[in-house]
Amino acid sequence: MQIFIIIKKTLKIIMYSLELSLRYSPFPLSIQKKELEEVKRIYDQIKNSMNETLEISNLIELSCDKVKDKLIAVRAQEIISVQIYEKSSVAGGAKKPGFSLNID
């Protein structure tokens, strides 16, 4: 009698979400990236665009690593906030979407 043991490895895939809140919109826009350095670079680009004068409104184009055909273009002056958070596929995510304050 042979006994077969099947070992199922849990593959933890980490994605980094970048979420934008827009003026006059109740729903945030978000993209996911695989590399933290890339999402930080995009975050800094958006922050710099938000700090520029209102006469110049940059168009920011974003693509998503999770949904390959997802493309977003938004005017920098319409962005009121931006955040980065880690999202894990094993536990369903490290935090809920949206801006929140965790007080322990």
C-alpha atoms as a PDB file:
ATOM      1  CA  MET A   1       0.000   0.000   0.000  1.00  0.00           C
ATOM      2  CA  GLN A   2       1.405   3.343  -1.072  1.00  0.00           C
ATOM      3  CA  ILE A   3       0.509   6.595   0.577  1.00  0.00           C
ATOM      4  CA  PHE A   4       0.801   9.769  -1.410  1.00  0.00           C
ATOM      5  CA  ILE A   5       1.278  12.980   0.463  1.00  0.00           C
ATOM      6  CA  ILE A   6       0.393  16.166  -1.293  1.00  0.00           C
ATOM      7  CA  ILE A   7       2.001  19.270   0.047  1.00  0.00           C
ATOM      8  CA  LYS A   8       0.323  22.464  -0.944  1.00  0.00           C
ATOM      9  CA  LYS A   9       2.573  25.471  -0.706  1.00  0.00           C
ATOM     10  CA  THR A  10       0.970  28.757   0.043  1.00  0.00           C
ATOM     11  CA  LEU A  11       2.423  31.287  -2.323  1.00  0.00           C
ATOM     12  CA  LYS A  12       2.224  34.740  -0.855  1.00  0.00           C
ATOM     13  CA  ILE A  13       2.079  37.401  -3.539  1.00  0.00           C
ATOM     14  CA  ILE A  14       2.642  40.927  -2.320  1.00  0.00           C
ATOM     15  CA  MET A  15       1.305  43.827  -4.318  1.00  0.00           C
ATOM     16  CA  TYR A  16       1.567  47.480  -3.404  1.00  0.00           C
ATOM     17  CA  SER A  17      -1.534  49.579  -3.935  1.00  0.00           C
ATOM     18  CA  LEU A  18      -1.439  53.248  -4.776  1.00  0.00           C
ATOM     19  CA  GLU A  19      -4.763  54.932  -4.100  1.00  0.00           C
ATOM     20  CA  LEU A  20      -5.858  58.398  -5.230  1.00  0.00           C
ATOM     21  CA  SER A  21      -8.725  60.409  -3.821  1.00  0.00           C
ATOM     22  CA  LEU A  22     -10.183  62.889  -6.291  1.00  0.00           C
ATOM     23  CA  ARG A  23     -11.963  66.166  -5.742  1.00  0.00           C
ATOM     24  CA  TYR A  24     -15.780  65.788  -5.845  1.00  0.00           C
ATOM     25  CA  SER A  25     -15.557  61.997  -6.172  1.00  0.00           C
ATOM     26  CA  PRO A  26     -16.633  59.642  -3.371  1.00  0.00           C
ATOM     27  CA  PHE A  27     -14.728  56.699  -4.858  1.00  0.00           C
ATOM     28  CA  PRO A  28     -10.924  56.407  -4.925  1.00  0.00           C
ATOM     29  CA  LEU A  29      -8.886  55.271  -7.919  1.00  0.00           C
ATOM     30  CA  SER A  30      -6.265  52.631  -7.305  1.00  0.00           C
ATOM     31  CA  ILE A  31      -3.573  50.663  -9.087  1.00  0.00           C
ATOM     32  CA  GLN A  32      -1.382  47.802  -7.935  1.00  0.00           C
ATOM     33  CA  LYS A  33       2.333  47.405  -8.526  1.00  0.00           C
ATOM     34  CA  LYS A  34       4.702  44.518  -7.759  1.00  0.00           C
ATOM     35  CA  GLU A  35       7.717  46.617  -6.784  1.00  0.00           C
ATOM     36  CA  LEU A  36       7.759  48.989  -3.813  1.00  0.00           C
ATOM     37  CA  GLU A  37      10.405  51.203  -5.438  1.00  0.00           C
ATOM     38  CA  GLU A  38       8.198  51.726  -8.495  1.00  0.00           C
ATOM     39  CA  VAL A  39       5.144  52.641  -6.444  1.00  0.00           C
ATOM     40  CA  LYS A  40       7.238  55.075  -4.353  1.00  0.00           C
ATOM     41  CA  ARG A  41       8.537  56.700  -7.554  1.00  0.00           C
ATOM     42  CA  ILE A  42       4.950  57.182  -8.810  1.00  0.00           C
ATOM     43  CA  TYR A  43       3.909  58.483  -5.377  1.00  0.00           C
ATOM     44  CA  ASP A  44       6.696  61.098  -5.453  1.00  0.00           C
ATOM     45  CA  GLN A  45       5.773  62.090  -9.023  1.00  0.00           C
ATOM     46  CA  ILE A  46       2.154  62.639  -7.982  1.00  0.00           C
ATOM     47  CA  LYS A  47       3.177  64.626  -4.885  1.00  0.00           C
ATOM     48  CA  ASN A  48       5.419  66.873  -7.003  1.00  0.00           C
ATOM     49  CA  SER A  49       2.622  67.424  -9.533  1.00  0.00           C
ATOM     50  CA  MET A  50       0.188  68.287  -6.741  1.00  0.00           C
ATOM     51  CA  ASN A  51       2.613  70.921  -5.395  1.00  0.00           C
ATOM     52  CA  GLU A  52       2.934  72.739  -8.723  1.00  0.00           C
ATOM     53  CA  THR A  53       0.921  75.857  -9.417  1.00  0.00           C
ATOM     54  CA  LEU A  54      -2.703  75.532 -10.480  1.00  0.00           C
ATOM     55  CA  GLU A  55      -2.054  77.215 -13.838  1.00  0.00           C
ATOM     56  CA  ILE A  56      -0.118  74.138 -14.911  1.00  0.00           C
ATOM     57  CA  SER A  57      -2.121  70.956 -14.595  1.00  0.00           C
ATOM     58  CA  ASN A  58      -0.131  67.868 -15.412  1.00  0.00           C
ATOM     59  CA  LEU A  59      -1.852  64.812 -16.758  1.00  0.00           C
ATOM     60  CA  ILE A  60      -0.760  61.756 -14.803  1.00  0.00           C
ATOM     61  CA  GLU A  61      -1.009  58.390 -16.519  1.00  0.00           C
ATOM     62  CA  LEU A  62      -0.964  55.206 -14.445  1.00  0.00           C
ATOM     63  CA  SER A  63      -0.958  51.513 -15.328  1.00  0.00           C
ATOM     64  CA  CYS A  64      -1.658  48.494 -13.150  1.00  0.00           C
ATOM     65  CA  ASP A  65       0.441  45.327 -12.772  1.00  0.00           C
ATOM     66  CA  LYS A  66      -2.462  43.264 -11.448  1.00  0.00           C
ATOM     67  CA  VAL A  67      -4.970  44.102 -14.210  1.00  0.00           C
ATOM     68  CA  LYS A  68      -2.816  44.390 -17.325  1.00  0.00           C
ATOM     69  CA  ASP A  69      -5.274  46.427 -19.431  1.00  0.00           C
ATOM     70  CA  LYS A  70      -6.082  48.916 -16.654  1.00  0.00           C
ATOM     71  CA  LEU A  71      -4.926  52.441 -17.508  1.00  0.00           C
ATOM     72  CA  ILE A  72      -5.810  55.623 -15.621  1.00  0.00           C
ATOM     73  CA  ALA A  73      -5.219  59.238 -16.654  1.00  0.00           C
ATOM     74  CA  VAL A  74      -6.050  62.008 -14.206  1.00  0.00           C
ATOM     75  CA  ARG A  75      -5.286  65.720 -13.922  1.00  0.00           C
ATOM     76  CA  ALA A  76      -2.944  66.433 -11.021  1.00  0.00           C
ATOM     77  CA  GLN A  77      -5.014  69.376  -9.771  1.00  0.00           C
ATOM     78  CA  GLU A  78      -7.990  67.027  -9.187  1.00  0.00           C
ATOM     79  CA  ILE A  79      -6.047  64.797  -6.781  1.00  0.00           C
ATOM     80  CA  ILE A  80      -6.599  65.682  -3.134  1.00  0.00           C
ATOM     81  CA  SER A  81      -4.753  62.773  -1.500  1.00  0.00           C
ATOM     82  CA  VAL A  82      -2.543  59.808  -2.336  1.00  0.00           C
ATOM     83  CA  GLN A  83      -1.539  56.795  -0.276  1.00  0.00           C
ATOM     84  CA  ILE A  84       0.456  53.574  -0.579  1.00  0.00           C
ATOM     85  CA  TYR A  85      -0.309  50.338   1.204  1.00  0.00           C
ATOM     86  CA  GLU A  86       0.746  46.715   0.986  1.00  0.00           C
ATOM     87  CA  LYS A  87      -1.815  44.194  -0.194  1.00  0.00           C
ATOM     88  CA  SER A  88      -1.230  40.460   0.291  1.00  0.00           C
ATOM     89  CA  SER A  89      -3.159  37.842  -1.682  1.00  0.00           C
ATOM     90  CA  VAL A  90      -3.109  35.304   1.180  1.00  0.00           C
ATOM     91  CA  ALA A  91      -4.937  37.288   3.821  1.00  0.00           C
ATOM     92  CA  GLY A  92      -7.004  39.388   1.447  1.00  0.00           C
ATOM     93  CA  GLY A  93      -5.028  42.536   2.130  1.00  0.00           C
ATOM     94  CA  ALA A  94      -3.076  44.246   4.868  1.00  0.00           C
ATOM     95  CA  LYS A  95      -5.626  46.988   5.393  1.00  0.00           C
ATOM     96  CA  LYS A  96      -8.950  48.177   4.181  1.00  0.00           C
ATOM     97  CA  PRO A  97      -8.976  50.601   1.239  1.00  0.00           C
ATOM     98  CA  GLY A  98      -9.431  54.251   2.046  1.00  0.00           C
ATOM     99  CA  PHE A  99      -7.754  56.526   4.522  1.00  0.00           C
ATOM    100  CA  SER A 100      -7.979  55.415   8.117  1.00  0.00           C
ATOM    101  CA  LEU A 101      -6.340  56.020  11.462  1.00  0.00           C
ATOM    102  CA  ASN A 102      -5.421  53.013  13.595  1.00  0.00           C
ATOM    103  CA  ILE A 103      -5.119  53.900  17.272  1.00  0.00           C
ATOM    104  CA  ASP A 104      -3.850  51.183  19.600  1.00  0.00           C
END
